[in-house]
Amino acid sequence: MSKLVPLVMTGAKKAYTVAKPEAIRFMRYAKVELSPPTLGDLPAIRQGFGKLIHAAKSGSYKNLTVREAWLNTLVFIEVWCWFFIGEVLGKRHIVGYKV
């Protein structure tokens, strides 16, 4: 038992030294990616929706590569799944609302 404590301590120190740079990198990206949109982001969002509507009207979505189309499909599936999960959590039931 007395040999276990130093072993655990060295393991914890190694884990800390490995995890610290990863945690710093995660926090750097989290501050940027997980922050809500600001008022300065609204023109870019409006421009993105404008491009989406223009692509739908002009048919330029047909000129996407297979990779771009696949990535767009995966993003759509992810958003749809998170919507479904949010609905289930909001209802607190899978099938329907409990009245």
PDB file of N, CA and C in Angstrom:
ATOM      1  N   MET A   1       0.815  -1.189   0.000  1.00  0.00           N
ATOM      2  CA  MET A   1       0.000   0.000   0.000  1.00  0.00           C
ATOM      3  C   MET A   1       0.862   1.259   0.000  1.00  0.00           C
ATOM      4  N   SER A   2       2.013   1.204   0.665  1.00  0.00           N
ATOM      5  CA  SER A   2       2.876   2.380   0.722  1.00  0.00           C
ATOM      6  C   SER A   2       3.524   2.664  -0.636  1.00  0.00           C
ATOM      7  N   LYS A   3       3.639   1.647  -1.487  1.00  0.00           N
ATOM      8  CA  LYS A   3       4.190   1.862  -2.819  1.00  0.00           C
ATOM      9  C   LYS A   3       3.134   2.408  -3.779  1.00  0.00           C
ATOM     10  N   LEU A   4       1.881   2.277  -3.436  1.00  0.00           N
ATOM     11  CA  LEU A   4       0.802   2.708  -4.309  1.00  0.00           C
ATOM     12  C   LEU A   4       0.668   4.229  -4.333  1.00  0.00           C
ATOM     13  N   VAL A   5       0.890   4.884  -3.202  1.00  0.00           N
ATOM     14  CA  VAL A   5       0.720   6.340  -3.129  1.00  0.00           C
ATOM     15  C   VAL A   5       1.710   7.063  -4.044  1.00  0.00           C
ATOM     16  N   PRO A   6       3.012   6.756  -3.995  1.00  0.00           N
ATOM     17  CA  PRO A   6       3.924   7.440  -4.935  1.00  0.00           C
ATOM     18  C   PRO A   6       3.609   7.131  -6.396  1.00  0.00           C
ATOM     19  N   LEU A   7       3.155   5.924  -6.668  1.00  0.00           N
ATOM     20  CA  LEU A   7       2.798   5.553  -8.028  1.00  0.00           C
ATOM     21  C   LEU A   7       1.620   6.389  -8.517  1.00  0.00           C
ATOM     22  N   VAL A   8       0.616   6.563  -7.661  1.00  0.00           N
ATOM     23  CA  VAL A   8      -0.552   7.367  -8.021  1.00  0.00           C
ATOM     24  C   VAL A   8      -0.138   8.822  -8.201  1.00  0.00           C
ATOM     25  N   MET A   9       0.739   9.319  -7.338  1.00  0.00           N
ATOM     26  CA  MET A   9       1.184  10.706  -7.440  1.00  0.00           C
ATOM     27  C   MET A   9       1.952  10.958  -8.736  1.00  0.00           C
ATOM     28  N   THR A  10       2.828  10.062  -9.111  1.00  0.00           N
ATOM     29  CA  THR A  10       3.574  10.253 -10.359  1.00  0.00           C
ATOM     30  C   THR A  10       2.633  10.145 -11.559  1.00  0.00           C
ATOM     31  N   GLY A  11       1.670   9.250 -11.486  1.00  0.00           N
ATOM     32  CA  GLY A  11       0.682   9.134 -12.565  1.00  0.00           C
ATOM     33  C   GLY A  11      -0.158  10.389 -12.687  1.00  0.00           C
ATOM     34  N   ALA A  12      -0.529  10.966 -11.547  1.00  0.00           N
ATOM     35  CA  ALA A  12      -1.316  12.190 -11.571  1.00  0.00           C
ATOM     36  C   ALA A  12      -0.503  13.350 -12.126  1.00  0.00           C
ATOM     37  N   LYS A  13       0.766  13.423 -11.785  1.00  0.00           N
ATOM     38  CA  LYS A  13       1.625  14.491 -12.306  1.00  0.00           C
ATOM     39  C   LYS A  13       1.799  14.361 -13.818  1.00  0.00           C
ATOM     40  N   LYS A  14       1.974  13.131 -14.285  1.00  0.00           N
ATOM     41  CA  LYS A  14       2.106  12.913 -15.725  1.00  0.00           C
ATOM     42  C   LYS A  14       0.811  13.285 -16.451  1.00  0.00           C
ATOM     43  N   ALA A  15      -0.314  12.885 -15.878  1.00  0.00           N
ATOM     44  CA  ALA A  15      -1.605  13.215 -16.484  1.00  0.00           C
ATOM     45  C   ALA A  15      -1.807  14.724 -16.536  1.00  0.00           C
ATOM     46  N   TYR A  16      -1.386  15.426 -15.491  1.00  0.00           N
ATOM     47  CA  TYR A  16      -1.526  16.877 -15.453  1.00  0.00           C
ATOM     48  C   TYR A  16      -0.651  17.532 -16.517  1.00  0.00           C
ATOM     49  N   THR A  17       0.571  17.074 -16.665  1.00  0.00           N
ATOM     50  CA  THR A  17       1.465  17.677 -17.656  1.00  0.00           C
ATOM     51  C   THR A  17       0.990  17.405 -19.083  1.00  0.00           C
ATOM     52  N   VAL A  18       0.349  16.268 -19.291  1.00  0.00           N
ATOM     53  CA  VAL A  18      -0.179  15.962 -20.623  1.00  0.00           C
ATOM     54  C   VAL A  18      -1.463  16.731 -20.884  1.00  0.00           C
ATOM     55  N   ALA A  19      -2.317  16.845 -19.880  1.00  0.00           N
ATOM     56  CA  ALA A  19      -3.625  17.448 -20.073  1.00  0.00           C
ATOM     57  C   ALA A  19      -3.591  18.974 -20.080  1.00  0.00           C
ATOM     58  N   LYS A  20      -2.605  19.592 -19.467  1.00  0.00           N
ATOM     59  CA  LYS A  20      -2.582  21.047 -19.371  1.00  0.00           C
ATOM     60  C   LYS A  20      -2.523  21.726 -20.739  1.00  0.00           C
ATOM     61  N   PRO A  21      -1.610  21.362 -21.658  1.00  0.00           N
ATOM     62  CA  PRO A  21      -1.610  22.026 -22.971  1.00  0.00           C
ATOM     63  C   PRO A  21      -2.894  21.776 -23.751  1.00  0.00           C
ATOM     64  N   GLU A  22      -3.442  20.579 -23.619  1.00  0.00           N
ATOM     65  CA  GLU A  22      -4.697  20.276 -24.307  1.00  0.00           C
ATOM     66  C   GLU A  22      -5.840  21.127 -23.764  1.00  0.00           C
ATOM     67  N   ALA A  23      -5.887  21.315 -22.454  1.00  0.00           N
ATOM     68  CA  ALA A  23      -6.934  22.136 -21.849  1.00  0.00           C
ATOM     69  C   ALA A  23      -6.791  23.593 -22.257  1.00  0.00           C
ATOM     70  N   ILE A  24      -5.568  24.078 -22.348  1.00  0.00           N
ATOM     71  CA  ILE A  24      -5.341  25.458 -22.777  1.00  0.00           C
ATOM     72  C   ILE A  24      -5.808  25.643 -24.224  1.00  0.00           C
ATOM     73  N   ARG A  25      -5.477  24.684 -25.072  1.00  0.00           N
ATOM     74  CA  ARG A  25      -5.916  24.764 -26.476  1.00  0.00           C
ATOM     75  C   ARG A  25      -7.432  24.684 -26.569  1.00  0.00           C
ATOM     76  N   PHE A  26      -8.050  23.802 -25.793  1.00  0.00           N
ATOM     77  CA  PHE A  26      -9.499  23.685 -25.799  1.00  0.00           C
ATOM     78  C   PHE A  26     -10.152  24.993 -25.374  1.00  0.00           C
ATOM     79  N   MET A  27      -9.646  25.623 -24.330  1.00  0.00           N
ATOM     80  CA  MET A  27     -10.234  26.873 -23.851  1.00  0.00           C
ATOM     81  C   MET A  27     -10.055  27.992 -24.883  1.00  0.00           C
ATOM     82  N   ARG A  28      -8.928  28.005 -25.585  1.00  0.00           N
ATOM     83  CA  ARG A  28      -8.712  29.028 -26.606  1.00  0.00           C
ATOM     84  C   ARG A  28      -9.755  28.893 -27.723  1.00  0.00           C
ATOM     85  N   TYR A  29      -9.996  27.665 -28.172  1.00  0.00           N
ATOM     86  CA  TYR A  29     -11.000  27.454 -29.211  1.00  0.00           C
ATOM     87  C   TYR A  29     -12.415  27.631 -28.672  1.00  0.00           C
ATOM     88  N   ALA A  30     -12.663  27.240 -27.441  1.00  0.00           N
ATOM     89  CA  ALA A  30     -14.007  27.342 -26.871  1.00  0.00           C
ATOM     90  C   ALA A  30     -14.436  28.796 -26.740  1.00  0.00           C
ATOM     91  N   LYS A  31     -13.507  29.684 -26.405  1.00  0.00           N
ATOM     92  CA  LYS A  31     -13.861  31.105 -26.284  1.00  0.00           C
ATOM     93  C   LYS A  31     -14.337  31.678 -27.614  1.00  0.00           C
ATOM     94  N   VAL A  32     -13.799  31.168 -28.705  1.00  0.00           N
ATOM     95  CA  VAL A  32     -14.164  31.680 -30.024  1.00  0.00           C
ATOM     96  C   VAL A  32     -15.385  30.949 -30.573  1.00  0.00           C
ATOM     97  N   GLU A  33     -15.374  29.631 -30.507  1.00  0.00           N
ATOM     98  CA  GLU A  33     -16.396  28.840 -31.182  1.00  0.00           C
ATOM     99  C   GLU A  33     -17.703  28.732 -30.398  1.00  0.00           C
ATOM    100  N   LEU A  34     -17.654  28.786 -29.093  1.00  0.00           N
ATOM    101  CA  LEU A  34     -18.849  28.574 -28.289  1.00  0.00           C
ATOM    102  C   LEU A  34     -19.501  29.862 -27.813  1.00  0.00           C
ATOM    103  N   SER A  35     -18.979  30.999 -28.246  1.00  0.00           N
ATOM    104  CA  SER A  35     -19.585  32.263 -27.835  1.00  0.00           C
ATOM    105  C   SER A  35     -20.779  32.567 -28.735  1.00  0.00           C
ATOM    106  N   PRO A  36     -21.814  33.198 -28.182  1.00  0.00           N
ATOM    107  CA  PRO A  36     -22.974  33.530 -29.017  1.00  0.00           C
ATOM    108  C   PRO A  36     -22.623  34.632 -30.013  1.00  0.00           C
ATOM    109  N   PRO A  37     -23.381  34.751 -31.088  1.00  0.00           N
ATOM    110  CA  PRO A  37     -23.079  35.789 -32.075  1.00  0.00           C
ATOM    111  C   PRO A  37     -23.281  37.186 -31.487  1.00  0.00           C
ATOM    112  N   THR A  38     -22.433  38.108 -31.897  1.00  0.00           N
ATOM    113  CA  THR A  38     -22.547  39.488 -31.437  1.00  0.00           C
ATOM    114  C   THR A  38     -23.248  40.316 -32.502  1.00  0.00           C
ATOM    115  N   LEU A  39     -23.485  41.575 -32.203  1.00  0.00           N
ATOM    116  CA  LEU A  39     -24.123  42.454 -33.181  1.00  0.00           C
ATOM    117  C   LEU A  39     -23.241  42.660 -34.403  1.00  0.00           C
ATOM    118  N   GLY A  40     -21.938  42.567 -34.224  1.00  0.00           N
ATOM    119  CA  GLY A  40     -21.027  42.698 -35.356  1.00  0.00           C
ATOM    120  C   GLY A  40     -21.087  41.522 -36.312  1.00  0.00           C
ATOM    121  N   ASP A  41     -21.596  40.391 -35.848  1.00  0.00           N
ATOM    122  CA  ASP A  41     -21.702  39.203 -36.702  1.00  0.00           C
ATOM    123  C   ASP A  41     -22.964  39.204 -37.564  1.00  0.00           C
ATOM    124  N   LEU A  42     -23.918  40.059 -37.265  1.00  0.00           N
ATOM    125  CA  LEU A  42     -25.200  40.044 -37.976  1.00  0.00           C
ATOM    126  C   LEU A  42     -25.071  40.322 -39.480  1.00  0.00           C
ATOM    127  N   PRO A  43     -24.242  41.273 -39.929  1.00  0.00           N
ATOM    128  CA  PRO A  43     -24.117  41.442 -41.388  1.00  0.00           C
ATOM    129  C   PRO A  43     -23.585  40.195 -42.096  1.00  0.00           C
ATOM    130  N   ALA A  44     -22.633  39.507 -41.480  1.00  0.00           N
ATOM    131  CA  ALA A  44     -22.106  38.285 -42.094  1.00  0.00           C
ATOM    132  C   ALA A  44     -23.175  37.188 -42.128  1.00  0.00           C
ATOM    133  N   ILE A  45     -23.991  37.107 -41.089  1.00  0.00           N
ATOM    134  CA  ILE A  45     -25.065  36.118 -41.067  1.00  0.00           C
ATOM    135  C   ILE A  45     -26.091  36.436 -42.141  1.00  0.00           C
ATOM    136  N   ARG A  46     -26.439  37.722 -42.282  1.00  0.00           N
ATOM    137  CA  ARG A  46     -27.399  38.129 -43.301  1.00  0.00           C
ATOM    138  C   ARG A  46     -26.842  37.840 -44.694  1.00  0.00           C
ATOM    139  N   GLN A  47     -25.553  38.091 -44.902  1.00  0.00           N
ATOM    140  CA  GLN A  47     -24.925  37.820 -46.193  1.00  0.00           C
ATOM    141  C   GLN A  47     -24.929  36.315 -46.490  1.00  0.00           C
ATOM    142  N   GLY A  48     -24.705  35.496 -45.472  1.00  0.00           N
ATOM    143  CA  GLY A  48     -24.734  34.051 -45.665  1.00  0.00           C
ATOM    144  C   GLY A  48     -26.106  33.550 -46.071  1.00  0.00           C
ATOM    145  N   PHE A  49     -27.154  34.096 -45.432  1.00  0.00           N
ATOM    146  CA  PHE A  49     -28.512  33.711 -45.819  1.00  0.00           C
ATOM    147  C   PHE A  49     -28.832  34.192 -47.230  1.00  0.00           C
ATOM    148  N   GLY A  50     -28.327  35.371 -47.579  1.00  0.00           N
ATOM    149  CA  GLY A  50     -28.529  35.873 -48.938  1.00  0.00           C
ATOM    150  C   GLY A  50     -27.885  34.966 -49.974  1.00  0.00           C
ATOM    151  N   LYS A  51     -26.678  34.489 -49.674  1.00  0.00           N
ATOM    152  CA  LYS A  51     -25.998  33.558 -50.586  1.00  0.00           C
ATOM    153  C   LYS A  51     -26.759  32.248 -50.702  1.00  0.00           C
ATOM    154  N   LEU A  52     -27.316  31.787 -49.579  1.00  0.00           N
ATOM    155  CA  LEU A  52     -28.080  30.546 -49.589  1.00  0.00           C
ATOM    156  C   LEU A  52     -29.324  30.672 -50.458  1.00  0.00           C
ATOM    157  N   ILE A  53     -30.040  31.778 -50.326  1.00  0.00           N
ATOM    158  CA  ILE A  53     -31.246  31.996 -51.132  1.00  0.00           C
ATOM    159  C   ILE A  53     -30.875  32.148 -52.600  1.00  0.00           C
ATOM    160  N   HIS A  54     -29.795  32.871 -52.880  1.00  0.00           N
ATOM    161  CA  HIS A  54     -29.359  33.049 -54.268  1.00  0.00           C
ATOM    162  C   HIS A  54     -28.966  31.709 -54.888  1.00  0.00           C
ATOM    163  N   ALA A  55     -28.288  30.860 -54.128  1.00  0.00           N
ATOM    164  CA  ALA A  55     -27.893  29.545 -54.640  1.00  0.00           C
ATOM    165  C   ALA A  55     -29.119  28.685 -54.915  1.00  0.00           C
ATOM    166  N   ALA A  56     -30.154  28.820 -54.084  1.00  0.00           N
ATOM    167  CA  ALA A  56     -31.371  28.039 -54.306  1.00  0.00           C
ATOM    168  C   ALA A  56     -32.108  28.524 -55.551  1.00  0.00           C
ATOM    169  N   LYS A  57     -32.127  29.837 -55.768  1.00  0.00           N
ATOM    170  CA  LYS A  57     -32.838  30.386 -56.931  1.00  0.00           C
ATOM    171  C   LYS A  57     -32.088  30.128 -58.237  1.00  0.00           C
ATOM    172  N   SER A  58     -30.777  30.265 -58.205  1.00  0.00           N
ATOM    173  CA  SER A  58     -30.004  30.154 -59.447  1.00  0.00           C
ATOM    174  C   SER A  58     -29.609  28.717 -59.774  1.00  0.00           C
ATOM    175  N   GLY A  59     -29.692  27.824 -58.805  1.00  0.00           N
ATOM    176  CA  GLY A  59     -29.321  26.436 -59.059  1.00  0.00           C
ATOM    177  C   GLY A  59     -27.827  26.189 -58.988  1.00  0.00           C
ATOM    178  N   SER A  60     -27.089  27.104 -58.391  1.00  0.00           N
ATOM    179  CA  SER A  60     -25.632  26.915 -58.306  1.00  0.00           C
ATOM    180  C   SER A  60     -25.252  25.828 -57.307  1.00  0.00           C
ATOM    181  N   TYR A  61     -26.200  25.358 -56.519  1.00  0.00           N
ATOM    182  CA  TYR A  61     -25.914  24.247 -55.609  1.00  0.00           C
ATOM    183  C   TYR A  61     -25.625  22.965 -56.380  1.00  0.00           C
ATOM    184  N   LYS A  62     -26.019  22.938 -57.634  1.00  0.00           N
ATOM    185  CA  LYS A  62     -25.769  21.748 -58.452  1.00  0.00           C
ATOM    186  C   LYS A  62     -24.296  21.620 -58.839  1.00  0.00           C
ATOM    187  N   ASN A  63     -23.533  22.685 -58.664  1.00  0.00           N
ATOM    188  CA  ASN A  63     -22.123  22.675 -59.037  1.00  0.00           C
ATOM    189  C   ASN A  63     -21.209  22.350 -57.862  1.00  0.00           C
ATOM    190  N   LEU A  64     -21.768  21.866 -56.771  1.00  0.00           N
ATOM    191  CA  LEU A  64     -20.945  21.498 -55.619  1.00  0.00           C
ATOM    192  C   LEU A  64     -20.177  20.217 -55.920  1.00  0.00           C
ATOM    193  N   THR A  65     -19.024  20.095 -55.295  1.00  0.00           N
ATOM    194  CA  THR A  65     -18.296  18.835 -55.397  1.00  0.00           C
ATOM    195  C   THR A  65     -18.973  17.812 -54.483  1.00  0.00           C
ATOM    196  N   VAL A  66     -18.623  16.570 -54.659  1.00  0.00           N
ATOM    197  CA  VAL A  66     -19.206  15.520 -53.832  1.00  0.00           C
ATOM    198  C   VAL A  66     -18.825  15.728 -52.372  1.00  0.00           C
ATOM    199  N   ARG A  67     -17.592  16.159 -52.143  1.00  0.00           N
ATOM    200  CA  ARG A  67     -17.135  16.402 -50.770  1.00  0.00           C
ATOM    201  C   ARG A  67     -17.939  17.522 -50.113  1.00  0.00           C
ATOM    202  N   GLU A  68     -18.152  18.634 -50.831  1.00  0.00           N
ATOM    203  CA  GLU A  68     -18.917  19.748 -50.268  1.00  0.00           C
ATOM    204  C   GLU A  68     -20.358  19.342 -50.003  1.00  0.00           C
ATOM    205  N   ALA A  69     -20.952  18.594 -50.931  1.00  0.00           N
ATOM    206  CA  ALA A  69     -22.328  18.149 -50.745  1.00  0.00           C
ATOM    207  C   ALA A  69     -22.432  17.199 -49.553  1.00  0.00           C
ATOM    208  N   TRP A  70     -21.446  16.318 -49.399  1.00  0.00           N
ATOM    209  CA  TRP A  70     -21.446  15.384 -48.272  1.00  0.00           C
ATOM    210  C   TRP A  70     -21.304  16.135 -46.951  1.00  0.00           C
ATOM    211  N   LEU A  71     -20.418  17.122 -46.904  1.00  0.00           N
ATOM    212  CA  LEU A  71     -20.248  17.904 -45.681  1.00  0.00           C
ATOM    213  C   LEU A  71     -21.513  18.691 -45.354  1.00  0.00           C
ATOM    214  N   ASN A  72     -22.159  19.264 -46.362  1.00  0.00           N
ATOM    215  CA  ASN A  72     -23.422  19.970 -46.131  1.00  0.00           C
ATOM    216  C   ASN A  72     -24.487  19.020 -45.599  1.00  0.00           C
ATOM    217  N   THR A  73     -24.520  17.809 -46.123  1.00  0.00           N
ATOM    218  CA  THR A  73     -25.480  16.813 -45.645  1.00  0.00           C
ATOM    219  C   THR A  73     -25.210  16.445 -44.197  1.00  0.00           C
ATOM    220  N   LEU A  74     -23.947  16.267 -43.847  1.00  0.00           N
ATOM    221  CA  LEU A  74     -23.606  15.930 -42.462  1.00  0.00           C
ATOM    222  C   LEU A  74     -23.965  17.061 -41.498  1.00  0.00           C
ATOM    223  N   VAL A  75     -23.750  18.294 -41.913  1.00  0.00           N
ATOM    224  CA  VAL A  75     -24.120  19.434 -41.062  1.00  0.00           C
ATOM    225  C   VAL A  75     -25.622  19.478 -40.881  1.00  0.00           C
ATOM    226  N   PHE A  76     -26.376  19.239 -41.955  1.00  0.00           N
ATOM    227  CA  PHE A  76     -27.834  19.220 -41.850  1.00  0.00           C
ATOM    228  C   PHE A  76     -28.297  18.126 -40.898  1.00  0.00           C
ATOM    229  N   ILE A  77     -27.717  16.941 -41.004  1.00  0.00           N
ATOM    230  CA  ILE A  77     -28.097  15.836 -40.123  1.00  0.00           C
ATOM    231  C   ILE A  77     -27.776  16.168 -38.676  1.00  0.00           C
ATOM    232  N   GLU A  78     -26.633  16.798 -38.436  1.00  0.00           N
ATOM    233  CA  GLU A  78     -26.265  17.170 -37.074  1.00  0.00           C
ATOM    234  C   GLU A  78     -27.252  18.181 -36.494  1.00  0.00           C
ATOM    235  N   VAL A  79     -27.596  19.200 -37.270  1.00  0.00           N
ATOM    236  CA  VAL A  79     -28.554  20.205 -36.783  1.00  0.00           C
ATOM    237  C   VAL A  79     -29.908  19.564 -36.534  1.00  0.00           C
ATOM    238  N   TRP A  80     -30.337  18.682 -37.428  1.00  0.00           N
ATOM    239  CA  TRP A  80     -31.626  18.018 -37.258  1.00  0.00           C
ATOM    240  C   TRP A  80     -31.631  17.144 -36.004  1.00  0.00           C
ATOM    241  N   CYS A  81     -30.541  16.412 -35.771  1.00  0.00           N
ATOM    242  CA  CYS A  81     -30.456  15.559 -34.582  1.00  0.00           C
ATOM    243  C   CYS A  81     -30.485  16.388 -33.308  1.00  0.00           C
ATOM    244  N   TRP A  82     -29.742  17.504 -33.274  1.00  0.00           N
ATOM    245  CA  TRP A  82     -29.774  18.353 -32.080  1.00  0.00           C
ATOM    246  C   TRP A  82     -31.159  18.949 -31.876  1.00  0.00           C
ATOM    247  N   PHE A  83     -31.877  19.282 -32.962  1.00  0.00           N
ATOM    248  CA  PHE A  83     -33.249  19.762 -32.829  1.00  0.00           C
ATOM    249  C   PHE A  83     -34.124  18.675 -32.229  1.00  0.00           C
ATOM    250  N   PHE A  84     -33.994  17.455 -32.727  1.00  0.00           N
ATOM    251  CA  PHE A  84     -34.796  16.355 -32.220  1.00  0.00           C
ATOM    252  C   PHE A  84     -34.486  16.086 -30.752  1.00  0.00           C
ATOM    253  N   ILE A  85     -33.205  16.089 -30.393  1.00  0.00           N
ATOM    254  CA  ILE A  85     -32.822  15.867 -28.994  1.00  0.00           C
ATOM    255  C   ILE A  85     -33.379  16.979 -28.110  1.00  0.00           C
ATOM    256  N   GLY A  86     -33.348  18.224 -28.595  1.00  0.00           N
ATOM    257  CA  GLY A  86     -33.919  19.335 -27.838  1.00  0.00           C
ATOM    258  C   GLY A  86     -35.414  19.189 -27.643  1.00  0.00           C
ATOM    259  N   GLU A  87     -36.095  18.699 -28.663  1.00  0.00           N
ATOM    260  CA  GLU A  87     -37.536  18.475 -28.531  1.00  0.00           C
ATOM    261  C   GLU A  87     -37.827  17.389 -27.505  1.00  0.00           C
ATOM    262  N   VAL A  88     -37.055  16.316 -27.538  1.00  0.00           N
ATOM    263  CA  VAL A  88     -37.265  15.227 -26.586  1.00  0.00           C
ATOM    264  C   VAL A  88     -36.991  15.714 -25.165  1.00  0.00           C
ATOM    265  N   LEU A  89     -35.932  16.477 -24.994  1.00  0.00           N
ATOM    266  CA  LEU A  89     -35.631  17.003 -23.662  1.00  0.00           C
ATOM    267  C   LEU A  89     -36.712  17.977 -23.208  1.00  0.00           C
ATOM    268  N   GLY A  90     -37.217  18.788 -24.128  1.00  0.00           N
ATOM    269  CA  GLY A  90     -38.248  19.748 -23.774  1.00  0.00           C
ATOM    270  C   GLY A  90     -39.568  19.081 -23.408  1.00  0.00           C
ATOM    271  N   LYS A  91     -39.902  18.015 -24.132  1.00  0.00           N
ATOM    272  CA  LYS A  91     -41.139  17.294 -23.845  1.00  0.00           C
ATOM    273  C   LYS A  91     -40.998  16.403 -22.626  1.00  0.00           C
ATOM    274  N   ARG A  92     -39.765  16.014 -22.321  1.00  0.00           N
ATOM    275  CA  ARG A  92     -39.467  15.044 -21.267  1.00  0.00           C
ATOM    276  C   ARG A  92     -40.105  13.684 -21.569  1.00  0.00           C
ATOM    277  N   HIS A  93     -40.285  13.395 -22.848  1.00  0.00           N
ATOM    278  CA  HIS A  93     -40.862  12.134 -23.269  1.00  0.00           C
ATOM    279  C   HIS A  93     -40.508  11.928 -24.731  1.00  0.00           C
ATOM    280  N   ILE A  94     -40.315  10.691 -25.174  1.00  0.00           N
ATOM    281  CA  ILE A  94     -39.891  10.433 -26.543  1.00  0.00           C
ATOM    282  C   ILE A  94     -41.048  10.529 -27.521  1.00  0.00           C
ATOM    283  N   VAL A  95     -42.204   9.962 -27.185  1.00  0.00           N
ATOM    284  CA  VAL A  95     -43.275   9.822 -28.141  1.00  0.00           C
ATOM    285  C   VAL A  95     -44.130  11.073 -28.252  1.00  0.00           C
ATOM    286  N   GLY A  96     -44.657  11.555 -27.166  1.00  0.00           N
ATOM    287  CA  GLY A  96     -45.546  12.701 -27.219  1.00  0.00           C
ATOM    288  C   GLY A  96     -45.537  13.467 -25.921  1.00  0.00           C
ATOM    289  N   TYR A  97     -46.360  14.471 -25.842  1.00  0.00           N
ATOM    290  CA  TYR A  97     -46.425  15.285 -24.650  1.00  0.00           C
ATOM    291  C   TYR A  97     -47.263  14.600 -23.592  1.00  0.00           C
ATOM    292  N   LYS A  98     -46.814  14.666 -22.360  1.00  0.00           N
ATOM    293  CA  LYS A  98     -47.595  14.153 -21.245  1.00  0.00           C
ATOM    294  C   LYS A  98     -48.489  15.278 -20.745  1.00  0.00           C
ATOM    295  N   VAL A  99     -49.788  15.094 -20.920  1.00  0.00           N
ATOM    296  CA  VAL A  99     -50.740  16.147 -20.537  1.00  0.00           C
ATOM    297  C   VAL A  99     -51.313  15.830 -19.180  1.00  0.00           C
TER     298      VAL A  99
END
